[in-house]
Amino acid sequence: MIRDAILAQARKEKRTQLTEIESKRFLKEAGIPVVEAKLARTKKEAVSLSKEMGFPVVLKVISPDVIHKSDSGGVKLGLSNITQVGSAYSKIVSAVKQHYPKAKIQGISVQKMARAGVEIIIGMTKDAQFGPVLMFGLGGVLVEVLKDVSFRIVPLTKRDAREMIKEIKGYPILEGYRGQEAADVPFLEELIVKVSDFVDKNPEIKELDLNPVFAYKDGAVAVDARIILEPPA
């Protein structure tokens, strides 16, 4: 199983944080929709993967020492040709080395640029008393600014998921506020339940962040994902 291989590798390297690529592979195996990311260790590999995936693409640094990738120049969006990809690769490596001189850069992830949708977040943290608690809200930078989120204790039913979604103040945005494309709310309900089941079946996960998830009128997909494991016993 992919899950077991990823966990074994992280434990071997004494890491508690999975890379974005590992996190997405772990989630995909559980049936949670993600934008697939592949690792490029050289500029040539990044160009080759970009051509294989089809433009436009996104490049992101992969490093266990860099948590906020965007803040350190570790993300480049909407790259539409091989020249831009090559240039972006060099800029990311240079910027990250400047911000985190001691960071171990494993490579650069290449992923297809997802079509924009309503940005949401689905996350999980562990409460000392209640155990895993799931969070839902508007995602991207909005989650930090508005803090418009709802919480439920794992495991969740579909009814819990429905209530979570309707509780946030931004719910009208999901319904298609002022002519915007409405989100597929029944799909989001199922996605929340899937994430709840995933967390329930994997007690070694300490924290989980799917942010942003792009919600569309016909589904949703996690664009970025972060998994933190419990420290070894």
Protein backbone atom coordinates (compact mmCIF):
# COMPACT_ATOMS: atom_id res chain seq x y z
CA MET A 1 0.00 0.00 0.00
CA ILE A 2 1.14 3.54 -0.80
CA ARG A 3 0.12 4.67 2.71
CA ASP A 4 2.41 2.16 4.44
CA ALA A 5 5.37 3.01 2.19
CA ILE A 6 4.96 6.75 2.85
CA LEU A 7 4.68 6.29 6.62
CA ALA A 8 7.69 3.94 6.69
CA GLN A 9 9.81 6.45 4.73
CA ALA A 10 8.84 9.35 7.02
CA ARG A 11 9.62 7.29 10.15
CA LYS A 12 12.94 6.17 8.67
CA GLU A 13 13.90 9.80 8.05
CA LYS A 14 12.58 10.80 11.52
CA ARG A 15 10.12 13.24 9.93
CA THR A 16 6.65 14.07 11.24
CA GLN A 17 5.73 16.31 8.28
CA LEU A 18 4.87 14.67 4.97
CA THR A 19 5.73 16.52 1.77
CA GLU A 20 2.89 17.82 -0.40
CA ILE A 21 3.52 14.99 -2.89
CA GLU A 22 3.39 12.33 -0.13
CA SER A 23 0.29 13.92 1.43
CA LYS A 24 -1.54 13.93 -1.89
CA ARG A 25 -0.62 10.32 -2.71
CA PHE A 26 -1.84 9.27 0.75
CA LEU A 27 -5.15 11.12 0.26
CA LYS A 28 -5.64 9.94 -3.32
CA GLU A 29 -5.34 6.31 -2.21
CA ALA A 30 -8.22 7.02 0.21
CA GLY A 31 -10.39 8.32 -2.64
CA ILE A 32 -10.04 12.03 -1.82
CA PRO A 33 -9.70 14.09 -5.04
CA VAL A 34 -6.40 15.96 -5.32
CA VAL A 35 -4.47 17.71 -8.09
CA GLU A 36 -1.62 15.26 -8.67
CA ALA A 37 1.89 16.59 -8.10
CA LYS A 38 5.14 15.04 -9.32
CA LEU A 39 8.67 15.66 -8.06
CA ALA A 40 11.33 17.24 -10.28
CA ARG A 41 14.88 17.12 -8.93
CA THR A 42 16.34 19.14 -11.81
CA LYS A 43 15.24 21.95 -14.09
CA LYS A 44 15.28 19.50 -17.01
CA GLU A 45 12.89 17.16 -15.14
CA ALA A 46 10.57 20.08 -14.34
CA VAL A 47 10.39 21.04 -18.02
CA SER A 48 9.80 17.43 -19.06
CA LEU A 49 6.99 16.91 -16.49
CA SER A 50 5.37 20.21 -17.51
CA LYS A 51 5.23 19.15 -21.15
CA GLU A 52 3.84 15.76 -20.12
CA MET A 53 1.08 17.31 -17.94
CA GLY A 54 0.20 20.11 -20.33
CA PHE A 55 0.33 23.84 -19.65
CA PRO A 56 -0.38 25.90 -17.63
CA VAL A 57 1.41 24.39 -14.62
CA VAL A 58 2.33 25.31 -11.04
CA LEU A 59 5.77 24.84 -9.45
CA LYS A 60 6.23 24.56 -5.66
CA VAL A 61 9.26 23.90 -3.49
CA ILE A 62 9.36 20.54 -1.71
CA SER A 63 11.23 20.84 1.56
CA PRO A 64 10.50 19.58 5.09
CA ASP A 65 11.98 22.85 6.38
CA VAL A 66 9.66 25.21 4.44
CA ILE A 67 6.11 25.34 5.79
CA HIS A 68 4.80 28.59 4.27
CA LYS A 69 5.92 28.10 0.68
CA SER A 70 4.24 31.21 -0.78
CA ASP A 71 5.79 33.59 1.77
CA SER A 72 9.32 32.51 0.81
CA GLY A 73 8.90 32.71 -2.98
CA GLY A 74 8.52 28.94 -3.15
CA VAL A 75 5.46 28.92 -5.44
CA LYS A 76 5.05 30.00 -9.07
CA LEU A 77 1.59 29.86 -10.69
CA GLY A 78 0.25 29.85 -14.24
CA LEU A 79 3.42 28.92 -16.11
CA SER A 80 2.46 28.54 -19.75
CA ASN A 81 5.64 27.44 -21.57
CA ILE A 82 8.99 25.72 -21.01
CA THR A 83 10.91 29.02 -20.78
CA GLN A 84 8.70 30.17 -17.90
CA VAL A 85 9.06 26.79 -16.17
CA GLY A 86 12.88 26.90 -16.40
CA SER A 87 13.00 30.45 -15.09
CA ALA A 88 10.52 29.70 -12.28
CA TYR A 89 12.55 26.65 -11.16
CA SER A 90 15.70 28.78 -10.76
CA LYS A 91 13.82 31.60 -8.98
CA ILE A 92 12.19 29.22 -6.49
CA VAL A 93 15.48 27.55 -5.53
CA SER A 94 17.22 30.93 -5.20
CA ALA A 95 14.39 32.53 -3.15
CA VAL A 96 14.06 29.59 -0.76
CA LYS A 97 17.83 29.45 -0.17
CA GLN A 98 17.74 33.15 0.64
CA HIS A 99 14.84 32.80 3.14
CA TYR A 100 15.90 29.43 4.58
CA PRO A 101 19.67 29.06 4.10
CA LYS A 102 19.72 25.71 5.94
CA ALA A 103 16.61 24.23 4.29
CA LYS A 104 16.97 20.83 2.65
CA ILE A 105 15.37 21.20 -0.79
CA GLN A 106 14.24 17.77 -2.03
CA GLY A 107 13.11 19.17 -5.38
CA ILE A 108 10.26 21.07 -6.97
CA SER A 109 6.74 19.73 -7.39
CA VAL A 110 5.08 20.15 -10.76
CA GLN A 111 1.29 20.08 -11.02
CA LYS A 112 -1.29 21.14 -13.54
CA MET A 113 -2.86 24.53 -12.83
CA ALA A 114 -6.39 23.79 -11.63
CA ARG A 115 -9.36 25.75 -12.91
CA ALA A 116 -10.31 28.39 -10.32
CA GLY A 117 -13.34 27.66 -8.14
CA VAL A 118 -14.75 28.68 -4.78
CA GLU A 119 -11.86 28.26 -2.33
CA ILE A 120 -12.62 26.24 0.78
CA ILE A 121 -10.58 24.60 3.53
CA ILE A 122 -11.05 21.23 5.21
CA GLY A 123 -8.71 20.62 8.12
CA MET A 124 -8.20 18.50 11.21
CA THR A 125 -6.46 19.06 14.52
CA LYS A 126 -6.49 16.92 17.67
CA ASP A 127 -8.10 18.20 20.82
CA ALA A 128 -6.67 16.85 24.10
CA GLN A 129 -10.17 16.07 25.37
CA PHE A 130 -12.22 15.23 22.27
CA GLY A 131 -9.62 13.79 19.89
CA PRO A 132 -9.73 14.60 16.14
CA VAL A 133 -11.82 17.69 15.29
CA LEU A 134 -12.69 18.53 11.68
CA MET A 135 -12.85 22.11 10.41
CA PHE A 136 -14.64 23.49 7.33
CA GLY A 137 -14.69 27.04 5.98
CA LEU A 138 -13.84 29.41 3.16
CA GLY A 139 -10.24 28.74 2.17
CA GLY A 140 -7.17 30.38 0.66
CA VAL A 141 -6.13 33.58 2.43
CA LEU A 142 -9.74 34.14 3.50
CA VAL A 143 -9.50 31.58 6.27
CA GLU A 144 -6.82 33.65 8.04
CA VAL A 145 -8.65 36.94 7.51
CA LEU A 146 -12.28 35.97 8.12
CA LYS A 147 -11.86 32.90 10.36
CA ASP A 148 -15.29 31.85 9.06
CA VAL A 149 -15.13 28.17 10.01
CA SER A 150 -17.21 25.44 11.65
CA PHE A 151 -16.07 22.43 13.69
CA ARG A 152 -17.25 18.87 14.42
CA ILE A 153 -15.80 15.93 16.31
CA VAL A 154 -14.76 12.93 14.20
CA PRO A 155 -16.42 10.65 13.06
CA LEU A 156 -19.00 12.67 11.11
CA THR A 157 -22.26 11.69 9.45
CA LYS A 158 -23.56 13.26 6.25
CA ARG A 159 -25.99 15.29 8.37
CA ASP A 160 -23.06 16.67 10.43
CA ALA A 161 -21.30 17.63 7.19
CA ARG A 162 -24.42 19.38 5.86
CA GLU A 163 -24.78 21.38 9.09
CA MET A 164 -21.08 22.30 9.05
CA ILE A 165 -21.36 23.73 5.55
CA LYS A 166 -24.54 25.70 6.27
CA GLU A 167 -23.16 27.13 9.53
CA ILE A 168 -20.48 29.32 7.97
CA LYS A 169 -21.37 32.95 7.23
CA GLY A 170 -19.96 32.54 3.71
CA TYR A 171 -22.52 29.85 2.80
CA PRO A 172 -24.24 32.17 0.23
CA ILE A 173 -20.93 32.17 -1.72
CA LEU A 174 -21.27 28.38 -2.10
CA GLU A 175 -24.80 28.89 -3.42
CA GLY A 176 -23.55 31.14 -6.22
CA TYR A 177 -23.53 34.68 -4.79
CA ARG A 178 -24.10 37.45 -7.36
CA GLY A 179 -23.93 35.23 -10.40
CA GLN A 180 -20.80 33.31 -9.41
CA GLU A 181 -20.70 29.60 -10.15
CA ALA A 182 -22.39 27.69 -7.31
CA ALA A 183 -20.52 24.87 -5.59
CA ASP A 184 -21.67 21.26 -5.64
CA VAL A 185 -22.75 21.18 -1.96
CA PRO A 186 -23.78 17.47 -1.90
CA PHE A 187 -20.30 16.63 -3.23
CA LEU A 188 -18.72 18.73 -0.45
CA GLU A 189 -20.83 16.88 2.13
CA GLU A 190 -19.51 13.56 0.82
CA LEU A 191 -15.95 14.94 0.76
CA ILE A 192 -16.15 16.03 4.41
CA VAL A 193 -17.40 12.56 5.40
CA LYS A 194 -14.57 10.96 3.36
CA VAL A 195 -11.99 13.13 5.16
CA SER A 196 -13.58 12.23 8.51
CA ASP A 197 -13.32 8.51 7.66
CA PHE A 198 -9.72 9.01 6.50
CA VAL A 199 -8.79 10.66 9.81
CA ASP A 200 -10.66 8.01 11.81
CA LYS A 201 -8.79 5.17 10.06
CA ASN A 202 -5.36 6.84 10.36
CA PRO A 203 -4.80 7.72 14.04
CA GLU A 204 -1.11 8.42 13.33
CA ILE A 205 -2.17 11.70 11.66
CA LYS A 206 -1.88 14.65 14.05
CA GLU A 207 -2.88 17.47 11.68
CA LEU A 208 -4.37 17.71 8.21
CA ASP A 209 -4.91 20.70 5.93
CA LEU A 210 -6.58 20.70 2.53
CA ASN A 211 -6.26 24.34 1.54
CA PRO A 212 -7.37 25.44 -0.86
CA VAL A 213 -9.93 22.99 -2.14
CA PHE A 214 -11.47 24.37 -5.34
CA ALA A 215 -15.21 23.73 -5.28
CA TYR A 216 -17.00 23.60 -8.64
CA LYS A 217 -20.60 23.10 -9.78
CA ASP A 218 -19.62 19.51 -10.62
CA GLY A 219 -17.27 18.40 -7.83
CA ALA A 220 -14.20 19.66 -6.00
CA VAL A 221 -10.45 19.03 -5.87
CA ALA A 222 -7.73 19.71 -3.27
CA VAL A 223 -5.04 21.90 -4.80
CA ASP A 224 -2.71 21.80 -1.78
CA ALA A 225 -2.45 19.31 1.07
CA ARG A 226 -0.43 19.03 4.26
CA ILE A 227 -0.26 16.10 6.67
CA ILE A 228 1.60 16.12 10.00
CA LEU A 229 2.13 12.83 11.82
CA GLU A 230 2.16 12.12 15.54
CA PRO A 231 5.72 11.88 16.87
CA PRO A 232 6.87 8.27 17.27
CA ALA A 233 5.86 6.73 20.60
